[in-house]
C-alpha atoms as a PDB file:
ATOM      1  CA  MET A   1     -87.101  62.856  27.153  1.00  0.00           C
ATOM      2  CA  LYS A   2     -85.984  60.646  25.009  1.00  0.00           C
ATOM      3  CA  LYS A   3     -88.044  57.730  24.282  1.00  0.00           C
ATOM      4  CA  LYS A   4     -86.390  54.323  24.988  1.00  0.00           C
ATOM      5  CA  ASN A   5     -85.397  52.022  22.325  1.00  0.00           C
ATOM      6  CA  THR A   6     -88.047  48.991  22.943  1.00  0.00           C
ATOM      7  CA  ILE A   7     -85.190  46.740  20.111  1.00  0.00           C
ATOM      8  CA  GLN A   8     -82.003  47.620  22.559  1.00  0.00           C
ATOM      9  CA  SER A   9     -83.801  46.989  25.834  1.00  0.00           C
ATOM     10  CA  ALA A  10     -85.029  43.375  24.418  1.00  0.00           C
ATOM     11  CA  ILE A  11     -81.463  42.490  23.612  1.00  0.00           C
ATOM     12  CA  ASP A  12     -79.932  43.603  26.497  1.00  0.00           C
ATOM     13  CA  GLU A  13     -82.617  41.576  28.483  1.00  0.00           C
ATOM     14  CA  SER A  14     -82.139  38.468  25.826  1.00  0.00           C
ATOM     15  CA  LEU A  15     -77.918  38.411  26.775  1.00  0.00           C
ATOM     16  CA  SER A  16     -78.588  39.269  30.447  1.00  0.00           C
ATOM     17  CA  GLY A  17     -79.507  35.574  30.642  1.00  0.00           C
ATOM     18  CA  VAL A  18     -77.063  33.892  28.831  1.00  0.00           C
ATOM     19  CA  ARG A  19     -73.826  32.207  30.844  1.00  0.00           C
ATOM     20  CA  PHE A  20     -70.429  32.242  30.225  1.00  0.00           C
ATOM     21  CA  ASN A  21     -68.429  29.963  32.560  1.00  0.00           C
ATOM     22  CA  ALA A  22     -65.052  27.999  33.021  1.00  0.00           C
ATOM     23  CA  HIS A  23     -66.064  25.251  30.728  1.00  0.00           C
ATOM     24  CA  ASP A  24     -67.188  27.290  27.783  1.00  0.00           C
ATOM     25  CA  ALA A  25     -63.984  29.128  28.038  1.00  0.00           C
ATOM     26  CA  ARG A  26     -61.452  26.094  28.274  1.00  0.00           C
ATOM     27  CA  SER A  27     -63.839  24.816  25.066  1.00  0.00           C
ATOM     28  CA  VAL A  28     -63.234  28.192  22.877  1.00  0.00           C
ATOM     29  CA  LEU A  29     -59.442  27.771  23.663  1.00  0.00           C
ATOM     30  CA  SER A  30     -59.574  24.242  22.618  1.00  0.00           C
ATOM     31  CA  ALA A  31     -61.142  24.978  19.211  1.00  0.00           C
ATOM     32  CA  VAL A  32     -58.622  27.829  18.655  1.00  0.00           C
ATOM     33  CA  ARG A  33     -55.882  25.799  19.071  1.00  0.00           C
ATOM     34  CA  SER A  34     -57.342  22.895  16.899  1.00  0.00           C
ATOM     35  CA  GLN A  35     -57.783  25.529  14.207  1.00  0.00           C
ATOM     36  CA  GLU A  36     -54.571  26.780  14.638  1.00  0.00           C
ATOM     37  CA  GLN A  37     -52.677  23.345  14.415  1.00  0.00           C
ATOM     38  CA  GLU A  38     -54.408  22.552  11.107  1.00  0.00           C
ATOM     39  CA  GLU A  39     -53.320  25.799   9.647  1.00  0.00           C
ATOM     40  CA  ALA A  40     -49.582  24.623  10.766  1.00  0.00           C
ATOM     41  CA  ARG A  41     -49.739  20.992   9.157  1.00  0.00           C
ATOM     42  CA  PRO A  42     -49.367  21.991   5.524  1.00  0.00           C
ATOM     43  CA  ALA A  43     -46.379  24.160   6.047  1.00  0.00           C
ATOM     44  CA  LYS A  44     -45.022  21.273   8.400  1.00  0.00           C
ATOM     45  CA  ALA A  45     -45.441  18.880   5.569  1.00  0.00           C
ATOM     46  CA  ARG A  46     -44.057  21.143   2.947  1.00  0.00           C
ATOM     47  CA  ARG A  47     -40.733  21.022   5.047  1.00  0.00           C
ATOM     48  CA  LEU A  48     -40.382  17.411   5.539  1.00  0.00           C
ATOM     49  CA  ARG A  49     -41.036  17.057   1.404  1.00  0.00           C
ATOM     50  CA  LEU A  50     -38.532  19.428   1.221  1.00  0.00           C
ATOM     51  CA  PHE A  51     -36.164  17.134   3.581  1.00  0.00           C
ATOM     52  CA  ASP A  52     -36.517  14.143   1.731  1.00  0.00           C
ATOM     53  CA  LEU A  53     -35.921  15.681  -1.722  1.00  0.00           C
ATOM     54  CA  ALA A  54     -32.586  16.976   0.172  1.00  0.00           C
ATOM     55  CA  VAL A  55     -31.572  13.807   1.292  1.00  0.00           C
ATOM     56  CA  SER A  56     -32.456  11.811  -2.255  1.00  0.00           C
ATOM     57  CA  MET A  57     -30.675  14.075  -4.175  1.00  0.00           C
ATOM     58  CA  ALA A  58     -27.251  13.751  -2.121  1.00  0.00           C
ATOM     59  CA  ALA A  59     -27.404  10.312  -2.328  1.00  0.00           C
ATOM     60  CA  VAL A  60     -27.441  10.514  -5.909  1.00  0.00           C
ATOM     61  CA  ALA A  61     -24.496  12.943  -5.859  1.00  0.00           C
ATOM     62  CA  LEU A  62     -22.992  10.094  -3.570  1.00  0.00           C
ATOM     63  CA  ALA A  63     -23.548   7.708  -6.372  1.00  0.00           C
ATOM     64  CA  VAL A  64     -22.585   9.472  -9.172  1.00  0.00           C
ATOM     65  CA  VAL A  65     -19.695  11.553  -8.357  1.00  0.00           C
ATOM     66  CA  PRO A  66     -16.933   8.795  -7.907  1.00  0.00           C
ATOM     67  CA  VAL A  67     -18.010   6.959 -11.104  1.00  0.00           C
ATOM     68  CA  THR A  68     -17.656  10.372 -13.209  1.00  0.00           C
ATOM     69  CA  LEU A  69     -14.153  11.220 -11.392  1.00  0.00           C
ATOM     70  CA  PHE A  70     -12.962   7.482 -11.986  1.00  0.00           C
ATOM     71  CA  ALA A  71     -13.992   7.910 -15.960  1.00  0.00           C
ATOM     72  CA  ILE A  72     -12.023  11.105 -16.372  1.00  0.00           C
ATOM     73  CA  ARG A  73      -9.315   9.542 -14.897  1.00  0.00           C
ATOM     74  CA  ALA A  74      -9.289   6.325 -16.964  1.00  0.00           C
ATOM     75  CA  GLN A  75      -9.296   9.177 -20.348  1.00  0.00           C
ATOM     76  CA  GLY A  76      -6.952  11.382 -18.860  1.00  0.00           C
ATOM     77  CA  GLY A  77      -4.168   8.242 -17.683  1.00  0.00           C
ATOM     78  CA  GLY A  78      -2.489   7.869 -20.921  1.00  0.00           C
ATOM     79  CA  SER A  79       0.527   6.059 -21.353  1.00  0.00           C
ATOM     80  CA  HIS A  80       3.422   6.435 -19.270  1.00  0.00           C
ATOM     81  CA  LEU A  81       5.753   5.611 -21.897  1.00  0.00           C
ATOM     82  CA  ALA A  82       4.599   8.635 -24.350  1.00  0.00           C
ATOM     83  CA  SER A  83       5.416  11.118 -21.771  1.00  0.00           C
ATOM     84  CA  ARG A  84       8.966  10.070 -21.908  1.00  0.00           C
ATOM     85  CA  GLY A  85       8.902  10.503 -25.630  1.00  0.00           C
ATOM     86  CA  LEU A  86       9.839   7.208 -26.508  1.00  0.00           C
ATOM     87  CA  PRO A  87       8.556   6.457 -30.039  1.00  0.00           C
ATOM     88  CA  THR A  88       5.289   5.181 -31.231  1.00  0.00           C
ATOM     89  CA  PRO A  89       5.728   1.402 -31.113  1.00  0.00           C
ATOM     90  CA  ARG A  90       5.090  -0.600 -34.136  1.00  0.00           C
ATOM     91  CA  PRO A  91       3.380  -3.643 -34.385  1.00  0.00           C
ATOM     92  CA  ASP A  92       5.972  -5.590 -36.289  1.00  0.00           C
ATOM     93  CA  VAL A  93       8.745  -4.268 -33.980  1.00  0.00           C
ATOM     94  CA  VAL A  94       7.756  -4.239 -30.706  1.00  0.00           C
ATOM     95  CA  THR A  95       5.306  -4.061 -28.348  1.00  0.00           C
ATOM     96  CA  TYR A  96       5.441  -1.761 -24.916  1.00  0.00           C
ATOM     97  CA  ILE A  97       3.650  -4.333 -22.590  1.00  0.00           C
ATOM     98  CA  THR A  98       4.107  -6.263 -19.904  1.00  0.00           C
ATOM     99  CA  PRO A  99       6.715  -9.438 -20.541  1.00  0.00           C
ATOM    100  CA  VAL A 100       5.394 -12.200 -22.170  1.00  0.00           C
ATOM    101  CA  PRO A 101       7.897 -15.367 -22.752  1.00  0.00           C
ATOM    102  CA  ALA A 102       8.239 -15.921 -26.649  1.00  0.00           C
ATOM    103  CA  ALA A 103       6.653 -19.141 -27.856  1.00  0.00           C
ATOM    104  CA  GLU A 104       9.594 -21.618 -28.377  1.00  0.00           C
ATOM    105  CA  THR A 105       9.117 -24.744 -31.266  1.00  0.00           C
ATOM    106  CA  ALA A 106      12.101 -26.356 -29.625  1.00  0.00           C
ATOM    107  CA  ALA A 107      11.763 -29.089 -26.746  1.00  0.00           C
ATOM    108  CA  PRO A 108      11.004 -28.051 -23.282  1.00  0.00           C
ATOM    109  CA  THR A 109      14.520 -27.352 -21.552  1.00  0.00           C
ATOM    110  CA  ALA A 110      15.560 -30.173 -19.323  1.00  0.00           C
ATOM    111  CA  ALA A 111      16.714 -29.242 -15.740  1.00  0.00           C
ATOM    112  CA  PRO A 112      20.440 -30.300 -14.960  1.00  0.00           C
ATOM    113  CA  GLN A 113      21.140 -33.339 -13.588  1.00  0.00           C
ATOM    114  CA  THR A 114      22.853 -34.524 -10.740  1.00  0.00           C
ATOM    115  CA  ASP A 115      22.907 -38.228 -10.705  1.00  0.00           C
ATOM    116  CA  GLU A 116      25.713 -39.826 -11.903  1.00  0.00           C
ATOM    117  CA  ALA A 117      23.232 -41.815 -13.872  1.00  0.00           C
ATOM    118  CA  GLN A 118      22.142 -39.070 -15.632  1.00  0.00           C
ATOM    119  CA  GLN A 119      25.665 -37.501 -16.968  1.00  0.00           C
ATOM    120  CA  PRO A 120      26.719 -38.113 -20.366  1.00  0.00           C
ATOM    121  CA  GLY A 121      28.643 -40.856 -21.046  1.00  0.00           C
ATOM    122  CA  PRO A 122      32.624 -40.660 -21.681  1.00  0.00           C
ATOM    123  CA  GLU A 123      31.869 -41.128 -25.501  1.00  0.00           C
ATOM    124  CA  GLU A 124      29.070 -38.664 -25.993  1.00  0.00           C
ATOM    125  CA  ILE A 125      30.159 -34.400 -26.005  1.00  0.00           C
ATOM    126  CA  THR A 126      30.417 -32.301 -23.118  1.00  0.00           C
ATOM    127  CA  GLU A 127      28.311 -29.855 -21.842  1.00  0.00           C
ATOM    128  CA  ASP A 128      30.799 -27.050 -23.043  1.00  0.00           C
ATOM    129  CA  GLU A 129      30.763 -28.664 -26.744  1.00  0.00           C
ATOM    130  CA  ALA A 130      27.094 -28.653 -26.752  1.00  0.00           C
ATOM    131  CA  VAL A 131      27.147 -24.558 -26.180  1.00  0.00           C
ATOM    132  CA  ARG A 132      29.895 -23.954 -28.618  1.00  0.00           C
ATOM    133  CA  ILE A 133      27.772 -25.624 -30.967  1.00  0.00           C
ATOM    134  CA  ALA A 134      24.612 -24.048 -29.862  1.00  0.00           C
ATOM    135  CA  ARG A 135      26.409 -20.786 -30.631  1.00  0.00           C
ATOM    136  CA  ALA A 136      27.747 -21.874 -33.617  1.00  0.00           C
ATOM    137  CA  CYS A 137      23.827 -22.498 -34.562  1.00  0.00           C
ATOM    138  CA  PHE A 138      23.386 -19.216 -33.514  1.00  0.00           C
ATOM    139  CA  GLU A 139      25.535 -16.930 -35.452  1.00  0.00           C
ATOM    140  CA  ALA A 140      24.835 -18.974 -38.797  1.00  0.00           C
ATOM    141  CA  ASN A 141      21.265 -18.553 -38.206  1.00  0.00           C
ATOM    142  CA  CYS A 142      20.422 -15.229 -36.458  1.00  0.00           C
ATOM    143  CA  ASP A 143      21.353 -11.679 -37.334  1.00  0.00           C
ATOM    144  CA  THR A 144      24.475 -10.909 -35.323  1.00  0.00           C
ATOM    145  CA  SER A 145      24.185  -7.234 -36.416  1.00  0.00           C
ATOM    146  CA  VAL A 146      21.381  -6.723 -33.869  1.00  0.00           C
ATOM    147  CA  PHE A 147      22.828  -8.862 -31.176  1.00  0.00           C
ATOM    148  CA  THR A 148      25.919 -11.144 -30.330  1.00  0.00           C
ATOM    149  CA  PHE A 149      25.817 -14.266 -28.447  1.00  0.00           C
ATOM    150  CA  GLU A 150      27.846 -12.558 -25.979  1.00  0.00           C
ATOM    151  CA  GLU A 151      24.776 -10.202 -25.275  1.00  0.00           C
ATOM    152  CA  TYR A 152      22.789 -13.567 -23.897  1.00  0.00           C
ATOM    153  CA  ALA A 153      23.023 -15.560 -20.832  1.00  0.00           C
ATOM    154  CA  VAL A 154      23.492 -19.207 -21.591  1.00  0.00           C
ATOM    155  CA  ALA A 155      22.273 -22.333 -20.020  1.00  0.00           C
ATOM    156  CA  ALA A 156      22.522 -25.736 -20.345  1.00  0.00           C
ATOM    157  CA  GLY A 157      20.342 -28.659 -19.718  1.00  0.00           C
ATOM    158  CA  TYR A 158      21.225 -32.570 -20.417  1.00  0.00           C
ATOM    159  CA  ASP A 159      18.132 -34.673 -21.190  1.00  0.00           C
ATOM    160  CA  ALA A 160      19.315 -38.917 -20.370  1.00  0.00           C
ATOM    161  CA  ALA A 161      15.848 -40.208 -22.227  1.00  0.00           C
ATOM    162  CA  ALA A 162      16.726 -38.012 -25.497  1.00  0.00           C
ATOM    163  CA  GLN A 163      20.247 -38.246 -25.332  1.00  0.00           C
ATOM    164  CA  ALA A 164      20.538 -34.439 -26.158  1.00  0.00           C
ATOM    165  CA  TYR A 165      21.694 -31.131 -24.622  1.00  0.00           C
ATOM    166  CA  THR A 166      19.045 -28.462 -24.427  1.00  0.00           C
ATOM    167  CA  VAL A 167      21.014 -24.819 -24.583  1.00  0.00           C
ATOM    168  CA  VAL A 168      18.872 -22.030 -23.763  1.00  0.00           C
ATOM    169  CA  MET A 169      20.223 -18.281 -24.625  1.00  0.00           C
ATOM    170  CA  LYS A 170      18.242 -15.194 -23.310  1.00  0.00           C
ATOM    171  CA  SER A 171      18.993 -11.666 -23.839  1.00  0.00           C
ATOM    172  CA  ILE A 172      20.487 -10.162 -20.600  1.00  0.00           C
ATOM    173  CA  TYR A 173      18.737  -6.422 -21.736  1.00  0.00           C
ATOM    174  CA  ASP A 174      15.329  -8.115 -20.184  1.00  0.00           C
ATOM    175  CA  ASN A 175      13.751  -7.512 -24.217  1.00  0.00           C
ATOM    176  CA  GLY A 176      11.992 -10.981 -24.318  1.00  0.00           C
ATOM    177  CA  CYS A 177      14.698 -12.163 -27.160  1.00  0.00           C
ATOM    178  CA  SER A 178      15.615 -15.911 -26.464  1.00  0.00           C
ATOM    179  CA  PHE A 179      16.816 -19.153 -28.731  1.00  0.00           C
ATOM    180  CA  THR A 180      16.661 -22.747 -27.848  1.00  0.00           C
ATOM    181  CA  VAL A 181      19.123 -25.227 -29.713  1.00  0.00           C
ATOM    182  CA  VAL A 182      18.719 -29.033 -28.765  1.00  0.00           C
ATOM    183  CA  VAL A 183      22.054 -30.678 -29.736  1.00  0.00           C
ATOM    184  CA  SER A 184      22.450 -34.323 -29.940  1.00  0.00           C
ATOM    185  CA  CYS A 185      25.123 -35.756 -27.184  1.00  0.00           C
ATOM    186  CA  GLU A 186      25.637 -38.965 -29.696  1.00  0.00           C
ATOM    187  CA  ASP A 187      27.515 -36.956 -32.730  1.00  0.00           C
ATOM    188  CA  GLY A 188      26.616 -33.211 -31.601  1.00  0.00           C
ATOM    189  CA  SER A 189      24.458 -32.412 -34.279  1.00  0.00           C
ATOM    190  CA  VAL A 190      21.401 -30.083 -34.021  1.00  0.00           C
ATOM    191  CA  LEU A 191      18.362 -31.694 -33.454  1.00  0.00           C
ATOM    192  CA  SER A 192      15.932 -28.603 -33.527  1.00  0.00           C
ATOM    193  CA  HIS A 193      15.850 -24.712 -32.770  1.00  0.00           C
ATOM    194  CA  SER A 194      13.387 -21.811 -31.810  1.00  0.00           C
ATOM    195  CA  ASP A 195      12.099 -19.251 -34.129  1.00  0.00           C
ATOM    196  CA  VAL A 196      15.265 -17.149 -35.290  1.00  0.00           C
ATOM    197  CA  SER A 197      12.890 -14.220 -35.332  1.00  0.00           C
ATOM    198  CA  HIS A 198      12.581 -14.737 -31.419  1.00  0.00           C
ATOM    199  CA  ALA A 199      16.130 -14.276 -30.849  1.00  0.00           C
ATOM    200  CA  THR A 200      16.817 -10.602 -32.271  1.00  0.00           C
ATOM    201  CA  THR A 201      13.280  -9.215 -32.041  1.00  0.00           C
ATOM    202  CA  PRO A 202      12.327  -7.607 -29.030  1.00  0.00           C
ATOM    203  CA  ALA A 203       8.653  -8.691 -27.669  1.00  0.00           C
ATOM    204  CA  HIS A 204       8.766  -6.125 -25.136  1.00  0.00           C
ATOM    205  CA  VAL A 205      10.376  -3.226 -22.983  1.00  0.00           C
ATOM    206  CA  ASN A 206       9.688  -3.925 -19.640  1.00  0.00           C
ATOM    207  CA  MET A 207       9.874  -0.354 -17.491  1.00  0.00           C
ATOM    208  CA  ASP A 208      10.148  -1.843 -14.376  1.00  0.00           C
ATOM    209  CA  SER A 209      13.426  -3.236 -15.253  1.00  0.00           C
ATOM    210  CA  ALA A 210      16.427  -1.812 -13.471  1.00  0.00           C
ATOM    211  CA  GLU A 211      18.579  -1.823 -16.567  1.00  0.00           C
ATOM    212  CA  VAL A 212      15.566   0.332 -18.601  1.00  0.00           C
ATOM    213  CA  GLN A 213      15.102   2.526 -15.695  1.00  0.00           C
ATOM    214  CA  SER A 214      18.917   3.100 -15.359  1.00  0.00           C
ATOM    215  CA  TRP A 215      18.853   4.343 -19.277  1.00  0.00           C
ATOM    216  CA  PHE A 216      16.106   7.323 -18.071  1.00  0.00           C
ATOM    217  CA  ASP A 217      18.177   8.129 -14.901  1.00  0.00           C
ATOM    218  CA  LYS A 218      21.123   8.821 -17.333  1.00  0.00           C
ATOM    219  CA  ASN A 219      19.745  10.659 -20.258  1.00  0.00           C
ATOM    220  CA  GLY A 220      16.571  11.787 -18.795  1.00  0.00           C
ATOM    221  CA  GLU A 221      12.759  11.454 -18.892  1.00  0.00           C
ATOM    222  CA  ASP A 222      12.114  12.547 -22.496  1.00  0.00           C
ATOM    223  CA  PHE A 223      13.453   9.889 -24.929  1.00  0.00           C
ATOM    224  CA  LEU A 224      13.738  12.729 -27.747  1.00  0.00           C
ATOM    225  CA  THR A 225      16.465  14.850 -26.015  1.00  0.00           C
ATOM    226  CA  TRP A 226      18.747  11.866 -25.427  1.00  0.00           C
ATOM    227  CA  PRO A 227      21.988  11.992 -27.284  1.00  0.00           C
ATOM    228  CA  GLN A 228      21.408  10.149 -30.936  1.00  0.00           C
ATOM    229  CA  ASP A 229      24.022   7.617 -29.909  1.00  0.00           C
ATOM    230  CA  GLN A 230      22.372   6.878 -26.981  1.00  0.00           C
ATOM    231  CA  GLN A 231      18.608   6.783 -28.653  1.00  0.00           C
ATOM    232  CA  ALA A 232      20.507   4.354 -31.448  1.00  0.00           C
ATOM    233  CA  GLU A 233      21.854   1.998 -28.612  1.00  0.00           C
ATOM    234  CA  PHE A 234      18.252   1.898 -26.862  1.00  0.00           C
ATOM    235  CA  ARG A 235      16.570   1.381 -29.800  1.00  0.00           C
ATOM    236  CA  ARG A 236      19.055  -1.390 -30.757  1.00  0.00           C
ATOM    237  CA  ARG A 237      18.224  -3.284 -27.908  1.00  0.00           C
ATOM    238  CA  TYR A 238      14.812  -2.587 -27.540  1.00  0.00           C
ATOM    239  CA  GLU A 239      13.409  -2.206 -30.706  1.00  0.00           C
ATOM    240  CA  GLY A 240      15.787  -4.460 -32.864  1.00  0.00           C
ATOM    241  CA  VAL A 241      17.404  -2.028 -34.619  1.00  0.00           C
ATOM    242  CA  PRO A 242      20.021  -3.429 -36.178  1.00  0.00           C
ATOM    243  CA  ASN A 243      23.848  -1.347 -35.390  1.00  0.00           C
ATOM    244  CA  ARG A 244      24.851  -0.255 -38.918  1.00  0.00           C
ATOM    245  CA  GLU A 245      28.472   1.218 -37.497  1.00  0.00           C
END
């Protein structure tokens, strides 16, 4: 007969006195859940940090991309004049910019008056005579190989205080050329006139002008492919190149 193990008997007898009720079971399960939640928190925190990083990167992209695109467009825009093959403007000839009125050295143009008191007396010269005198002044002082008198729109205004007519000539080609002459009503003498260079040196090419656009509509978008006579005439009108024919 096998001898009874006294140690095993003592352990069994000790364990038989231990009780494990429902309260103990709930305590054990609660401890297990707490441990699982503690283990899960680092992973959740990492996911939140990754989400915050992604949101920050998206915000930076939204701020940087539009600025980058605007800078690229500004660098690549270029001049629409170059795309049309127009010659590079010389600063001493013409500048392709938005129209800027040429400065005048003569007295300001007086608006025509309708009041009888503002009309010249019978002994004074008429408006037509003032225009004729202004034309003679233009042809004597300005380069008519570039533009003739007929290539200007003419308006005359009477100034009763100064006893003078102000005759203003503006180019019909919308190129900024103008010439102003102040004529005395008493004797028909020229009191003053504007800078002669402004009369035949175009100040700009207004690409929005219907007259300018008609040239491109007729000859094409590339200036360099135009017939030679068309190029020469366009340059005369908008660069002030003299007509040597």
